[in-house]
């Protein structure tokens, strides 16, 4: 998984878990989104808590998706 896809995977997981867009993603103009600074802090805290699990999930996805099923 390239760096861009990895970020998108993690950002979408963050959005599902928190209801917020990851820093670097455009927050909806008419939404309940936090400020960029608050989202950045929330992202950092989320990565601290779930980063190891996210790294394992990305590695597992890479292994499963790249597996030769022929």
C-alpha atoms as a PDB file:
ATOM      1  CA  UNK A   1       0.000   0.000   0.000  1.00  0.00           C
ATOM      2  CA  UNK A   2       1.501   3.328  -0.989  1.00  0.00           C
ATOM      3  CA  UNK A   3       1.685   6.249   1.463  1.00  0.00           C
ATOM      4  CA  UNK A   4      -1.333   8.021  -0.014  1.00  0.00           C
ATOM      5  CA  UNK A   5      -3.571   4.943   0.192  1.00  0.00           C
ATOM      6  CA  UNK A   6      -2.314   4.227   3.709  1.00  0.00           C
ATOM      7  CA  UNK A   7      -3.270   7.751   4.809  1.00  0.00           C
ATOM      8  CA  UNK A   8      -6.711   7.450   3.172  1.00  0.00           C
ATOM      9  CA  UNK A   9      -7.283   4.101   4.920  1.00  0.00           C
ATOM     10  CA  UNK A  10      -6.283   5.530   8.294  1.00  0.00           C
ATOM     11  CA  UNK A  11      -8.196   8.797   7.748  1.00  0.00           C
ATOM     12  CA  UNK A  12     -11.390   6.916   6.894  1.00  0.00           C
ATOM     13  CA  UNK A  13     -10.985   4.701   9.957  1.00  0.00           C
ATOM     14  CA  UNK A  14     -10.492   7.846  12.060  1.00  0.00           C
ATOM     15  CA  UNK A  15     -13.659   9.375  10.558  1.00  0.00           C
ATOM     16  CA  UNK A  16     -15.689   6.227  11.257  1.00  0.00           C
ATOM     17  CA  UNK A  17     -14.450   6.050  14.856  1.00  0.00           C
ATOM     18  CA  UNK A  18     -14.616   9.749  15.746  1.00  0.00           C
ATOM     19  CA  UNK A  19     -16.993  11.389  13.294  1.00  0.00           C
ATOM     20  CA  UNK A  20     -14.242  13.883  12.414  1.00  0.00           C
ATOM     21  CA  UNK A  21     -12.156  14.339   9.295  1.00  0.00           C
ATOM     22  CA  UNK A  22      -8.435  13.737   9.715  1.00  0.00           C
ATOM     23  CA  UNK A  23      -6.139  16.735   9.409  1.00  0.00           C
ATOM     24  CA  UNK A  24      -5.272  17.047   5.748  1.00  0.00           C
ATOM     25  CA  UNK A  25      -8.812  16.156   4.714  1.00  0.00           C
ATOM     26  CA  UNK A  26     -11.309  18.898   3.880  1.00  0.00           C
ATOM     27  CA  UNK A  27     -13.935  19.250   6.586  1.00  0.00           C
ATOM     28  CA  UNK A  28     -17.487  19.841   5.309  1.00  0.00           C
ATOM     29  CA  UNK A  29     -18.307  23.549   5.001  1.00  0.00           C
ATOM     30  CA  UNK A  30     -21.663  23.135   6.733  1.00  0.00           C
ATOM     31  CA  UNK A  31     -20.780  20.599   9.376  1.00  0.00           C
ATOM     32  CA  UNK A  32     -20.057  20.034  13.021  1.00  0.00           C
ATOM     33  CA  UNK A  33     -16.345  19.690  12.412  1.00  0.00           C
ATOM     34  CA  UNK A  34     -13.792  20.856  14.944  1.00  0.00           C
ATOM     35  CA  UNK A  35     -11.142  23.435  14.110  1.00  0.00           C
ATOM     36  CA  UNK A  36      -8.055  22.189  12.284  1.00  0.00           C
ATOM     37  CA  UNK A  37      -6.017  22.522  15.481  1.00  0.00           C
ATOM     38  CA  UNK A  38      -8.543  20.497  17.490  1.00  0.00           C
ATOM     39  CA  UNK A  39      -8.696  17.832  14.765  1.00  0.00           C
ATOM     40  CA  UNK A  40      -4.884  17.718  14.740  1.00  0.00           C
ATOM     41  CA  UNK A  41      -4.806  17.129  18.498  1.00  0.00           C
ATOM     42  CA  UNK A  42      -7.567  14.530  18.226  1.00  0.00           C
ATOM     43  CA  UNK A  43      -5.660  12.797  15.376  1.00  0.00           C
ATOM     44  CA  UNK A  44      -2.434  12.710  17.394  1.00  0.00           C
ATOM     45  CA  UNK A  45      -4.237  11.278  20.435  1.00  0.00           C
ATOM     46  CA  UNK A  46      -6.007   8.719  18.242  1.00  0.00           C
ATOM     47  CA  UNK A  47      -2.712   7.665  16.625  1.00  0.00           C
ATOM     48  CA  UNK A  48      -1.115   7.333  20.052  1.00  0.00           C
ATOM     49  CA  UNK A  49      -3.939   5.074  21.216  1.00  0.00           C
ATOM     50  CA  UNK A  50      -4.655   3.102  18.019  1.00  0.00           C
ATOM     51  CA  UNK A  51      -1.532   3.534  15.875  1.00  0.00           C
ATOM     52  CA  UNK A  52      -0.167   0.062  16.615  1.00  0.00           C
ATOM     53  CA  UNK A  53      -3.476  -1.537  15.698  1.00  0.00           C
ATOM     54  CA  UNK A  54      -3.707   0.572  12.534  1.00  0.00           C
ATOM     55  CA  UNK A  55      -0.192  -0.460  11.487  1.00  0.00           C
ATOM     56  CA  UNK A  56      -1.140  -4.118  11.973  1.00  0.00           C
ATOM     57  CA  UNK A  57      -4.376  -3.655   9.990  1.00  0.00           C
ATOM     58  CA  UNK A  58      -2.515  -1.994   7.102  1.00  0.00           C
ATOM     59  CA  UNK A  59       0.075  -4.778   7.069  1.00  0.00           C
ATOM     60  CA  UNK A  60      -2.675  -7.424   7.131  1.00  0.00           C
ATOM     61  CA  UNK A  61      -4.550  -5.695   4.295  1.00  0.00           C
ATOM     62  CA  UNK A  62      -1.361  -5.563   2.232  1.00  0.00           C
ATOM     63  CA  UNK A  63      -0.680  -9.243   2.812  1.00  0.00           C
ATOM     64  CA  UNK A  64      -4.225 -10.361   2.010  1.00  0.00           C
ATOM     65  CA  UNK A  65      -4.647  -8.121  -1.038  1.00  0.00           C
ATOM     66  CA  UNK A  66      -1.259  -9.035  -2.499  1.00  0.00           C
ATOM     67  CA  UNK A  67      -1.706 -12.768  -1.913  1.00  0.00           C
ATOM     68  CA  UNK A  68      -1.664 -14.837  -5.073  1.00  0.00           C
ATOM     69  CA  UNK A  69      -5.036 -16.603  -5.236  1.00  0.00           C
ATOM     70  CA  UNK A  70      -4.349 -18.549  -8.416  1.00  0.00           C
END
